[in-house]
Amino acid sequence: MIARTLPRMLGKGAHLSRSFATSIQARAPLVSSNYRIASGIVLSRTPQITRDSTPFEKAYFDYSEKLERQSAIPLPADFYFKKGSLAERRWKEDEAARMKAMADPKLSLSEAVKETQVKQEDADVTTQMNKFETGSRLSEADKKNDIKSLNRALQRTLYLIVKKPRDQHAWQFPQGAVEEGEYLHDAAERELEEECGKNMDVWFVGRQPVGHYAYKFPEDHVAKYPGATGAKVFFMKAHVFAGQCNPDNKEVVDFAWVTKDELPNYVSPEYFNAVKDMLSDL
């Protein structure tokens, strides 16, 4: 039943139904409907830090805080601060900045208080000695534009793409042909190890593909695969936790970790349109 169902299902679009996702776990034939079956890997590194708020989000949070302050009970400053103390003086300066921001819709509460605190730190020698500074949200890899580093674009999801030793359509996700009697997820794990080495700690999300891409072989490829006019690549989703890609310099000669926005700079428009819905916008 599966042998009859799989070739018929392979001809459908990129959106996978539940029945297709179940049947695809069967061992795939090498060639189906004149297409060679391949397994690809969408290997991602998830965001490492929270992203920056958008201007709309900042305005919303500031407006919500102002509304909350309008209905809040006044702070009993005499209870919390010793009269004439440094803490009381700082609180009064912060409160004055907040009141000014409350009266002006263009002023942000957080920015107003931050500006006041900077002035306080500059005037206080003790604070300068124990000043706490937050780290930069840009890493050294960002500054050097090191596309091979996993420590770049920490707010975004990175995806591994590899370069094949050819002039056209060289960049793509790691992929390879499914061998006779092999499961798609087994082929994906094998191809990733063969092309990118064993130095990565990788977890495959599941045994079912998240999408597929069909294309015709160029003329110089037709002779290599008798009976096949093109390939259908079924992509398996995976995450990397540690390690780094180590190309074999045979099937793969280079690699890069890129965001979804950077991917069109490397792959063809047809390829990007086929895989873009599998990728995270963050």
C-alpha atoms as a PDB file:
ATOM      1  CA  MET A   1       0.000   0.000   0.000  1.00  0.00           C
ATOM      2  CA  ILE A   2       2.799   2.429   0.945  1.00  0.00           C
ATOM      3  CA  ALA A   3       4.747   1.598  -2.220  1.00  0.00           C
ATOM      4  CA  ARG A   4       1.704   2.648  -4.287  1.00  0.00           C
ATOM      5  CA  THR A   5       0.828   5.688  -2.153  1.00  0.00           C
ATOM      6  CA  LEU A   6       4.272   7.373  -1.864  1.00  0.00           C
ATOM      7  CA  PRO A   7       4.958   8.082  -5.585  1.00  0.00           C
ATOM      8  CA  ARG A   8       1.462   9.495  -6.016  1.00  0.00           C
ATOM      9  CA  MET A   9       1.849  11.791  -2.977  1.00  0.00           C
ATOM     10  CA  LEU A  10       5.274  13.041  -4.105  1.00  0.00           C
ATOM     11  CA  GLY A  11       3.686  14.944  -6.961  1.00  0.00           C
ATOM     12  CA  LYS A  12       1.661  17.235  -4.699  1.00  0.00           C
ATOM     13  CA  GLY A  13       2.627  20.729  -3.473  1.00  0.00           C
ATOM     14  CA  ALA A  14       4.895  21.765  -0.640  1.00  0.00           C
ATOM     15  CA  HIS A  15       2.123  21.728   1.992  1.00  0.00           C
ATOM     16  CA  LEU A  16       2.156  18.302   3.645  1.00  0.00           C
ATOM     17  CA  SER A  17      -1.031  16.593   4.794  1.00  0.00           C
ATOM     18  CA  ARG A  18      -1.249  14.304   7.810  1.00  0.00           C
ATOM     19  CA  SER A  19      -1.618  11.208   5.617  1.00  0.00           C
ATOM     20  CA  PHE A  20       1.447  12.232   3.620  1.00  0.00           C
ATOM     21  CA  ALA A  21       3.479  12.930   6.763  1.00  0.00           C
ATOM     22  CA  THR A  22       2.663   9.441   8.026  1.00  0.00           C
ATOM     23  CA  SER A  23       3.354   7.605   4.795  1.00  0.00           C
ATOM     24  CA  ILE A  24       6.633   9.431   4.160  1.00  0.00           C
ATOM     25  CA  GLN A  25       8.227   7.617   7.104  1.00  0.00           C
ATOM     26  CA  ALA A  26       8.363   4.520   4.906  1.00  0.00           C
ATOM     27  CA  ARG A  27      11.522   3.710   3.029  1.00  0.00           C
ATOM     28  CA  ALA A  28      11.581   5.878  -0.082  1.00  0.00           C
ATOM     29  CA  PRO A  29      12.560   4.532  -3.516  1.00  0.00           C
ATOM     30  CA  LEU A  30      15.627   6.001  -5.197  1.00  0.00           C
ATOM     31  CA  VAL A  31      13.587   7.298  -8.132  1.00  0.00           C
ATOM     32  CA  SER A  32       9.876   8.127  -8.095  1.00  0.00           C
ATOM     33  CA  SER A  33       7.886   9.632 -10.978  1.00  0.00           C
ATOM     34  CA  ASN A  34      11.172  10.455 -12.778  1.00  0.00           C
ATOM     35  CA  TYR A  35      12.483  12.337  -9.754  1.00  0.00           C
ATOM     36  CA  ARG A  36      15.413  11.291  -7.621  1.00  0.00           C
ATOM     37  CA  ILE A  37      14.549  11.455  -3.904  1.00  0.00           C
ATOM     38  CA  ALA A  38      16.881  13.420  -1.622  1.00  0.00           C
ATOM     39  CA  SER A  39      16.814  14.385   2.038  1.00  0.00           C
ATOM     40  CA  GLY A  40      17.783  17.881   3.173  1.00  0.00           C
ATOM     41  CA  ILE A  41      18.444  19.381   6.600  1.00  0.00           C
ATOM     42  CA  VAL A  42      17.165  22.751   7.822  1.00  0.00           C
ATOM     43  CA  LEU A  43      19.680  23.057  10.670  1.00  0.00           C
ATOM     44  CA  SER A  44      19.115  26.091  12.904  1.00  0.00           C
ATOM     45  CA  ARG A  45      20.661  27.836  15.872  1.00  0.00           C
ATOM     46  CA  THR A  46      17.873  29.458  17.886  1.00  0.00           C
ATOM     47  CA  PRO A  47      18.086  33.084  19.179  1.00  0.00           C
ATOM     48  CA  GLN A  48      20.402  33.476  22.176  1.00  0.00           C
ATOM     49  CA  ILE A  49      19.065  36.786  23.516  1.00  0.00           C
ATOM     50  CA  THR A  50      15.713  38.554  23.389  1.00  0.00           C
ATOM     51  CA  ARG A  51      15.249  40.816  20.397  1.00  0.00           C
ATOM     52  CA  ASP A  52      15.029  44.598  20.598  1.00  0.00           C
ATOM     53  CA  SER A  53      11.535  45.987  21.002  1.00  0.00           C
ATOM     54  CA  THR A  54       9.994  47.633  17.971  1.00  0.00           C
ATOM     55  CA  PRO A  55       9.086  51.365  18.167  1.00  0.00           C
ATOM     56  CA  PHE A  56       5.415  50.385  18.489  1.00  0.00           C
ATOM     57  CA  GLU A  57       6.175  47.995  21.361  1.00  0.00           C
ATOM     58  CA  LYS A  58       8.232  50.620  23.175  1.00  0.00           C
ATOM     59  CA  ALA A  59       5.408  53.165  22.811  1.00  0.00           C
ATOM     60  CA  TYR A  60       2.840  50.619  24.030  1.00  0.00           C
ATOM     61  CA  PHE A  61       4.845  49.620  27.114  1.00  0.00           C
ATOM     62  CA  ASP A  62       5.514  53.257  27.975  1.00  0.00           C
ATOM     63  CA  TYR A  63       1.828  54.162  27.610  1.00  0.00           C
ATOM     64  CA  SER A  64       0.806  51.169  29.772  1.00  0.00           C
ATOM     65  CA  GLU A  65       3.264  52.222  32.484  1.00  0.00           C
ATOM     66  CA  LYS A  66       1.935  55.793  32.464  1.00  0.00           C
ATOM     67  CA  LEU A  67      -1.636  54.537  32.851  1.00  0.00           C
ATOM     68  CA  GLU A  68      -0.570  52.331  35.749  1.00  0.00           C
ATOM     69  CA  ARG A  69       1.188  55.221  37.493  1.00  0.00           C
ATOM     70  CA  GLN A  70      -1.906  57.413  37.186  1.00  0.00           C
ATOM     71  CA  SER A  71      -3.974  54.919  39.195  1.00  0.00           C
ATOM     72  CA  ALA A  72      -1.231  53.837  41.609  1.00  0.00           C
ATOM     73  CA  ILE A  73      -1.152  54.835  45.285  1.00  0.00           C
ATOM     74  CA  PRO A  74       1.574  57.445  45.996  1.00  0.00           C
ATOM     75  CA  LEU A  75       4.752  56.001  47.485  1.00  0.00           C
ATOM     76  CA  PRO A  76       5.184  56.908  51.207  1.00  0.00           C
ATOM     77  CA  ALA A  77       8.679  58.330  50.719  1.00  0.00           C
ATOM     78  CA  ASP A  78       9.051  59.290  54.412  1.00  0.00           C
ATOM     79  CA  PHE A  79       8.731  55.622  55.346  1.00  0.00           C
ATOM     80  CA  TYR A  80      11.230  54.268  52.791  1.00  0.00           C
ATOM     81  CA  PHE A  81      13.873  57.011  52.748  1.00  0.00           C
ATOM     82  CA  LYS A  82      15.739  58.756  55.540  1.00  0.00           C
ATOM     83  CA  LYS A  83      15.182  62.486  55.325  1.00  0.00           C
ATOM     84  CA  GLY A  84      18.122  64.266  53.715  1.00  0.00           C
ATOM     85  CA  SER A  85      19.806  61.030  52.615  1.00  0.00           C
ATOM     86  CA  LEU A  86      21.418  60.390  49.241  1.00  0.00           C
ATOM     87  CA  ALA A  87      18.766  57.746  48.452  1.00  0.00           C
ATOM     88  CA  GLU A  88      15.977  60.268  49.095  1.00  0.00           C
ATOM     89  CA  ARG A  89      17.615  62.862  46.871  1.00  0.00           C
ATOM     90  CA  ARG A  90      18.022  60.365  44.035  1.00  0.00           C
ATOM     91  CA  TRP A  91      14.431  59.185  44.368  1.00  0.00           C
ATOM     92  CA  LYS A  92      13.141  62.747  44.231  1.00  0.00           C
ATOM     93  CA  GLU A  93      15.176  63.448  41.097  1.00  0.00           C
ATOM     94  CA  ASP A  94      13.868  60.271  39.458  1.00  0.00           C
ATOM     95  CA  GLU A  95      10.308  61.114  40.471  1.00  0.00           C
ATOM     96  CA  ALA A  96      10.642  64.624  39.047  1.00  0.00           C
ATOM     97  CA  ALA A  97      11.798  63.119  35.737  1.00  0.00           C
ATOM     98  CA  ARG A  98       8.826  60.736  35.746  1.00  0.00           C
ATOM     99  CA  MET A  99       6.356  63.529  36.425  1.00  0.00           C
ATOM    100  CA  LYS A 100       7.830  65.526  33.542  1.00  0.00           C
ATOM    101  CA  ALA A 101       7.468  62.497  31.239  1.00  0.00           C
ATOM    102  CA  MET A 102       3.887  61.943  32.446  1.00  0.00           C
ATOM    103  CA  ALA A 103       2.966  65.459  31.313  1.00  0.00           C
ATOM    104  CA  ASP A 104       4.574  65.099  27.888  1.00  0.00           C
ATOM    105  CA  PRO A 105       3.360  62.235  25.609  1.00  0.00           C
ATOM    106  CA  LYS A 106       6.556  62.515  23.571  1.00  0.00           C
ATOM    107  CA  LEU A 107       8.770  61.705  26.565  1.00  0.00           C
ATOM    108  CA  SER A 108       9.405  58.109  27.607  1.00  0.00           C
ATOM    109  CA  LEU A 109       9.391  57.234  31.296  1.00  0.00           C
ATOM    110  CA  SER A 110      12.310  54.846  30.992  1.00  0.00           C
ATOM    111  CA  GLU A 111      14.410  57.263  28.942  1.00  0.00           C
ATOM    112  CA  ALA A 112      13.684  60.160  31.304  1.00  0.00           C
ATOM    113  CA  VAL A 113      14.741  58.179  34.382  1.00  0.00           C
ATOM    114  CA  LYS A 114      17.780  56.764  32.582  1.00  0.00           C
ATOM    115  CA  GLU A 115      18.967  60.264  31.689  1.00  0.00           C
ATOM    116  CA  THR A 116      18.586  61.365  35.306  1.00  0.00           C
ATOM    117  CA  GLN A 117      20.487  58.332  36.605  1.00  0.00           C
ATOM    118  CA  VAL A 118      23.370  59.019  34.212  1.00  0.00           C
ATOM    119  CA  LYS A 119      23.666  62.531  35.626  1.00  0.00           C
ATOM    120  CA  GLN A 120      23.586  61.127  39.158  1.00  0.00           C
ATOM    121  CA  GLU A 121      26.361  58.652  38.377  1.00  0.00           C
ATOM    122  CA  ASP A 122      28.533  61.344  36.829  1.00  0.00           C
ATOM    123  CA  ALA A 123      28.161  63.460  39.970  1.00  0.00           C
ATOM    124  CA  ASP A 124      28.793  60.638  42.438  1.00  0.00           C
ATOM    125  CA  VAL A 125      32.388  59.361  42.661  1.00  0.00           C
ATOM    126  CA  THR A 126      31.347  56.253  44.653  1.00  0.00           C
ATOM    127  CA  THR A 127      28.828  55.248  41.976  1.00  0.00           C
ATOM    128  CA  GLN A 128      31.441  55.680  39.261  1.00  0.00           C
ATOM    129  CA  MET A 129      33.732  53.217  41.052  1.00  0.00           C
ATOM    130  CA  ASN A 130      30.964  50.587  41.278  1.00  0.00           C
ATOM    131  CA  LYS A 131      29.220  51.438  38.042  1.00  0.00           C
ATOM    132  CA  PHE A 132      27.393  48.551  36.381  1.00  0.00           C
ATOM    133  CA  GLU A 133      27.523  48.514  32.608  1.00  0.00           C
ATOM    134  CA  THR A 134      25.477  46.235  30.406  1.00  0.00           C
ATOM    135  CA  GLY A 135      27.259  44.328  27.665  1.00  0.00           C
ATOM    136  CA  SER A 136      26.898  45.103  24.005  1.00  0.00           C
ATOM    137  CA  ARG A 137      24.206  43.258  22.070  1.00  0.00           C
ATOM    138  CA  LEU A 138      26.659  43.038  19.178  1.00  0.00           C
ATOM    139  CA  SER A 139      29.241  40.264  19.421  1.00  0.00           C
ATOM    140  CA  GLU A 140      32.775  40.307  18.050  1.00  0.00           C
ATOM    141  CA  ALA A 141      31.558  38.085  15.218  1.00  0.00           C
ATOM    142  CA  ASP A 142      28.977  40.751  14.327  1.00  0.00           C
ATOM    143  CA  LYS A 143      31.630  43.444  14.241  1.00  0.00           C
ATOM    144  CA  LYS A 144      33.876  41.306  12.015  1.00  0.00           C
ATOM    145  CA  ASN A 145      30.925  40.035   9.919  1.00  0.00           C
ATOM    146  CA  ASP A 146      32.097  36.477  10.527  1.00  0.00           C
ATOM    147  CA  ILE A 147      29.402  34.439   8.764  1.00  0.00           C
ATOM    148  CA  LYS A 148      31.012  31.181   9.931  1.00  0.00           C
ATOM    149  CA  SER A 149      30.503  31.988  13.615  1.00  0.00           C
ATOM    150  CA  LEU A 150      27.552  30.787  15.670  1.00  0.00           C
ATOM    151  CA  ASN A 151      28.075  33.781  17.954  1.00  0.00           C
ATOM    152  CA  ARG A 152      26.650  36.313  15.499  1.00  0.00           C
ATOM    153  CA  ALA A 153      23.121  37.723  15.098  1.00  0.00           C
ATOM    154  CA  LEU A 154      22.288  36.633  18.633  1.00  0.00           C
ATOM    155  CA  GLN A 155      18.744  38.013  18.373  1.00  0.00           C
ATOM    156  CA  ARG A 156      17.951  35.985  15.255  1.00  0.00           C
ATOM    157  CA  THR A 157      17.714  32.360  14.154  1.00  0.00           C
ATOM    158  CA  LEU A 158      20.714  31.222  12.110  1.00  0.00           C
ATOM    159  CA  TYR A 159      20.590  28.508   9.440  1.00  0.00           C
ATOM    160  CA  LEU A 160      23.439  26.419   8.088  1.00  0.00           C
ATOM    161  CA  ILE A 161      23.983  26.593   4.340  1.00  0.00           C
ATOM    162  CA  VAL A 162      26.784  24.844   2.484  1.00  0.00           C
ATOM    163  CA  LYS A 163      28.525  25.467  -0.810  1.00  0.00           C
ATOM    164  CA  LYS A 164      28.901  22.767  -3.448  1.00  0.00           C
ATOM    165  CA  PRO A 165      31.934  22.763  -5.788  1.00  0.00           C
ATOM    166  CA  ARG A 166      30.119  24.216  -8.807  1.00  0.00           C
ATOM    167  CA  ASP A 167      29.446  27.577 -10.417  1.00  0.00           C
ATOM    168  CA  GLN A 168      25.631  27.674 -10.437  1.00  0.00           C
ATOM    169  CA  HIS A 169      23.251  26.960  -7.555  1.00  0.00           C
ATOM    170  CA  ALA A 170      26.256  26.299  -5.346  1.00  0.00           C
ATOM    171  CA  TRP A 171      24.707  27.338  -2.013  1.00  0.00           C
ATOM    172  CA  GLN A 172      21.944  25.282  -0.389  1.00  0.00           C
ATOM    173  CA  PHE A 173      20.976  23.511   2.801  1.00  0.00           C
ATOM    174  CA  PRO A 174      22.906  20.278   3.449  1.00  0.00           C
ATOM    175  CA  GLN A 175      21.285  17.496   1.430  1.00  0.00           C
ATOM    176  CA  GLY A 176      21.933  14.207  -0.312  1.00  0.00           C
ATOM    177  CA  ALA A 177      20.279  11.343  -2.147  1.00  0.00           C
ATOM    178  CA  VAL A 178      18.293   8.743  -0.229  1.00  0.00           C
ATOM    179  CA  GLU A 179      19.788   5.279  -0.621  1.00  0.00           C
ATOM    180  CA  GLU A 180      17.726   2.198  -1.432  1.00  0.00           C
ATOM    181  CA  GLY A 181      15.622   1.124   1.568  1.00  0.00           C
ATOM    182  CA  GLU A 182      16.698   4.128   3.690  1.00  0.00           C
ATOM    183  CA  TYR A 183      14.398   6.292   5.798  1.00  0.00           C
ATOM    184  CA  LEU A 184      14.334  10.021   5.089  1.00  0.00           C
ATOM    185  CA  HIS A 185      15.462  10.997   8.598  1.00  0.00           C
ATOM    186  CA  ASP A 186      18.278   8.414   8.514  1.00  0.00           C
ATOM    187  CA  ALA A 187      19.450   9.801   5.176  1.00  0.00           C
ATOM    188  CA  ALA A 188      19.390  13.333   6.597  1.00  0.00           C
ATOM    189  CA  GLU A 189      21.545  12.376   9.579  1.00  0.00           C
ATOM    190  CA  ARG A 190      23.975  10.452   7.366  1.00  0.00           C
ATOM    191  CA  GLU A 191      24.333  13.246   4.811  1.00  0.00           C
ATOM    192  CA  LEU A 192      24.861  15.893   7.503  1.00  0.00           C
ATOM    193  CA  GLU A 193      27.633  13.837   9.047  1.00  0.00           C
ATOM    194  CA  GLU A 194      29.269  13.061   5.691  1.00  0.00           C
ATOM    195  CA  GLU A 195      29.197  16.658   4.413  1.00  0.00           C
ATOM    196  CA  CYS A 196      29.630  18.646   7.626  1.00  0.00           C
ATOM    197  CA  GLY A 197      31.558  16.350   9.957  1.00  0.00           C
ATOM    198  CA  LYS A 198      30.878  14.837  13.368  1.00  0.00           C
ATOM    199  CA  ASN A 199      31.707  17.884  15.496  1.00  0.00           C
ATOM    200  CA  MET A 200      28.148  19.178  15.901  1.00  0.00           C
ATOM    201  CA  ASP A 201      25.682  18.260  18.643  1.00  0.00           C
ATOM    202  CA  VAL A 202      22.481  18.087  16.580  1.00  0.00           C
ATOM    203  CA  TRP A 203      18.918  17.178  17.530  1.00  0.00           C
ATOM    204  CA  PHE A 204      16.405  16.293  14.800  1.00  0.00           C
ATOM    205  CA  VAL A 205      12.952  17.592  15.693  1.00  0.00           C
ATOM    206  CA  GLY A 206      11.073  14.645  14.192  1.00  0.00           C
ATOM    207  CA  ARG A 207      10.978  11.966  11.507  1.00  0.00           C
ATOM    208  CA  GLN A 208       8.630  13.798   9.191  1.00  0.00           C
ATOM    209  CA  PRO A 209       9.672  16.439   6.636  1.00  0.00           C
ATOM    210  CA  VAL A 210       8.598  20.056   7.054  1.00  0.00           C
ATOM    211  CA  GLY A 211       8.421  20.681   3.297  1.00  0.00           C
ATOM    212  CA  HIS A 212       9.944  19.785  -0.050  1.00  0.00           C
ATOM    213  CA  TYR A 213      11.482  21.352  -3.141  1.00  0.00           C
ATOM    214  CA  ALA A 214      11.386  19.867  -6.654  1.00  0.00           C
ATOM    215  CA  TYR A 215      13.725  20.918  -9.453  1.00  0.00           C
ATOM    216  CA  LYS A 216      14.961  19.728 -12.838  1.00  0.00           C
ATOM    217  CA  PHE A 217      18.509  18.495 -13.311  1.00  0.00           C
ATOM    218  CA  PRO A 218      20.862  20.576 -15.486  1.00  0.00           C
ATOM    219  CA  GLU A 219      22.068  18.807 -18.622  1.00  0.00           C
ATOM    220  CA  ASP A 220      25.367  17.707 -17.098  1.00  0.00           C
ATOM    221  CA  HIS A 221      23.480  15.942 -14.255  1.00  0.00           C
ATOM    222  CA  VAL A 222      21.039  13.911 -16.345  1.00  0.00           C
ATOM    223  CA  ALA A 223      23.685  11.365 -17.348  1.00  0.00           C
ATOM    224  CA  LYS A 224      24.635  10.774 -13.695  1.00  0.00           C
ATOM    225  CA  TYR A 225      21.141   9.636 -12.707  1.00  0.00           C
ATOM    226  CA  PRO A 226      19.607   7.384 -15.379  1.00  0.00           C
ATOM    227  CA  GLY A 227      15.839   7.422 -15.389  1.00  0.00           C
ATOM    228  CA  ALA A 228      15.589  10.677 -13.393  1.00  0.00           C
ATOM    229  CA  THR A 229      14.947  14.119 -14.859  1.00  0.00           C
ATOM    230  CA  GLY A 230      15.176  15.987 -11.569  1.00  0.00           C
ATOM    231  CA  ALA A 231      15.179  15.701  -7.792  1.00  0.00           C
ATOM    232  CA  LYS A 232      12.722  16.175  -4.961  1.00  0.00           C
ATOM    233  CA  VAL A 233      14.330  17.241  -1.705  1.00  0.00           C
ATOM    234  CA  PHE A 234      12.403  16.575   1.505  1.00  0.00           C
ATOM    235  CA  PHE A 235      13.641  18.792   4.340  1.00  0.00           C
ATOM    236  CA  MET A 236      14.020  17.582   7.917  1.00  0.00           C
ATOM    237  CA  LYS A 237      14.165  20.113  10.750  1.00  0.00           C
ATOM    238  CA  ALA A 238      17.020  20.070  13.262  1.00  0.00           C
ATOM    239  CA  HIS A 239      18.693  22.261  15.915  1.00  0.00           C
ATOM    240  CA  VAL A 240      22.386  22.607  16.707  1.00  0.00           C
ATOM    241  CA  PHE A 241      23.410  22.975  20.371  1.00  0.00           C
ATOM    242  CA  ALA A 242      27.192  22.935  20.211  1.00  0.00           C
ATOM    243  CA  GLY A 243      30.117  22.322  17.874  1.00  0.00           C
ATOM    244  CA  GLN A 244      30.782  23.617  14.408  1.00  0.00           C
ATOM    245  CA  CYS A 245      30.500  22.587  10.761  1.00  0.00           C
ATOM    246  CA  ASN A 246      33.607  20.916   9.351  1.00  0.00           C
ATOM    247  CA  PRO A 247      33.206  20.579   5.544  1.00  0.00           C
ATOM    248  CA  ASP A 248      34.624  17.499   3.855  1.00  0.00           C
ATOM    249  CA  ASN A 249      36.046  19.695   1.013  1.00  0.00           C
ATOM    250  CA  LYS A 250      34.667  17.209  -1.507  1.00  0.00           C
ATOM    251  CA  GLU A 251      30.898  17.463  -1.579  1.00  0.00           C
ATOM    252  CA  VAL A 252      31.034  20.705   0.427  1.00  0.00           C
ATOM    253  CA  VAL A 253      33.769  23.333   0.107  1.00  0.00           C
ATOM    254  CA  ASP A 254      32.418  26.145   2.264  1.00  0.00           C
ATOM    255  CA  PHE A 255      29.651  26.973   4.746  1.00  0.00           C
ATOM    256  CA  ALA A 256      27.898  29.908   6.405  1.00  0.00           C
ATOM    257  CA  TRP A 257      25.428  30.584   9.203  1.00  0.00           C
ATOM    258  CA  VAL A 258      22.843  33.054   7.887  1.00  0.00           C
ATOM    259  CA  THR A 259      19.497  34.538   8.880  1.00  0.00           C
ATOM    260  CA  LYS A 260      16.358  34.228   6.789  1.00  0.00           C
ATOM    261  CA  ASP A 261      16.876  37.786   5.521  1.00  0.00           C
ATOM    262  CA  GLU A 262      20.438  36.974   4.412  1.00  0.00           C
ATOM    263  CA  LEU A 263      19.576  33.701   2.665  1.00  0.00           C
ATOM    264  CA  PRO A 264      18.439  35.316  -0.661  1.00  0.00           C
ATOM    265  CA  ASN A 265      21.986  36.683  -1.058  1.00  0.00           C
ATOM    266  CA  TYR A 266      23.253  33.110  -1.497  1.00  0.00           C
ATOM    267  CA  VAL A 267      20.523  30.982  -3.082  1.00  0.00           C
ATOM    268  CA  SER A 268      18.400  31.358  -6.203  1.00  0.00           C
ATOM    269  CA  PRO A 269      14.957  33.028  -6.012  1.00  0.00           C
ATOM    270  CA  GLU A 270      13.281  29.707  -6.845  1.00  0.00           C
ATOM    271  CA  TYR A 271      15.075  27.941  -4.022  1.00  0.00           C
ATOM    272  CA  PHE A 272      14.297  30.688  -1.513  1.00  0.00           C
ATOM    273  CA  ASN A 273      10.603  30.726  -2.439  1.00  0.00           C
ATOM    274  CA  ALA A 274      10.480  26.977  -1.847  1.00  0.00           C
ATOM    275  CA  VAL A 275      12.062  27.057   1.623  1.00  0.00           C
ATOM    276  CA  LYS A 276      11.105  30.470   3.068  1.00  0.00           C
ATOM    277  CA  ASP A 277       7.939  29.227   4.779  1.00  0.00           C
ATOM    278  CA  MET A 278       9.990  26.652   6.698  1.00  0.00           C
ATOM    279  CA  LEU A 279      12.119  29.389   8.295  1.00  0.00           C
ATOM    280  CA  SER A 280      11.517  31.609  11.291  1.00  0.00           C
ATOM    281  CA  ASP A 281      11.184  35.363  10.783  1.00  0.00           C
ATOM    282  CA  LEU A 282      13.062  35.981  14.047  1.00  0.00           C
END
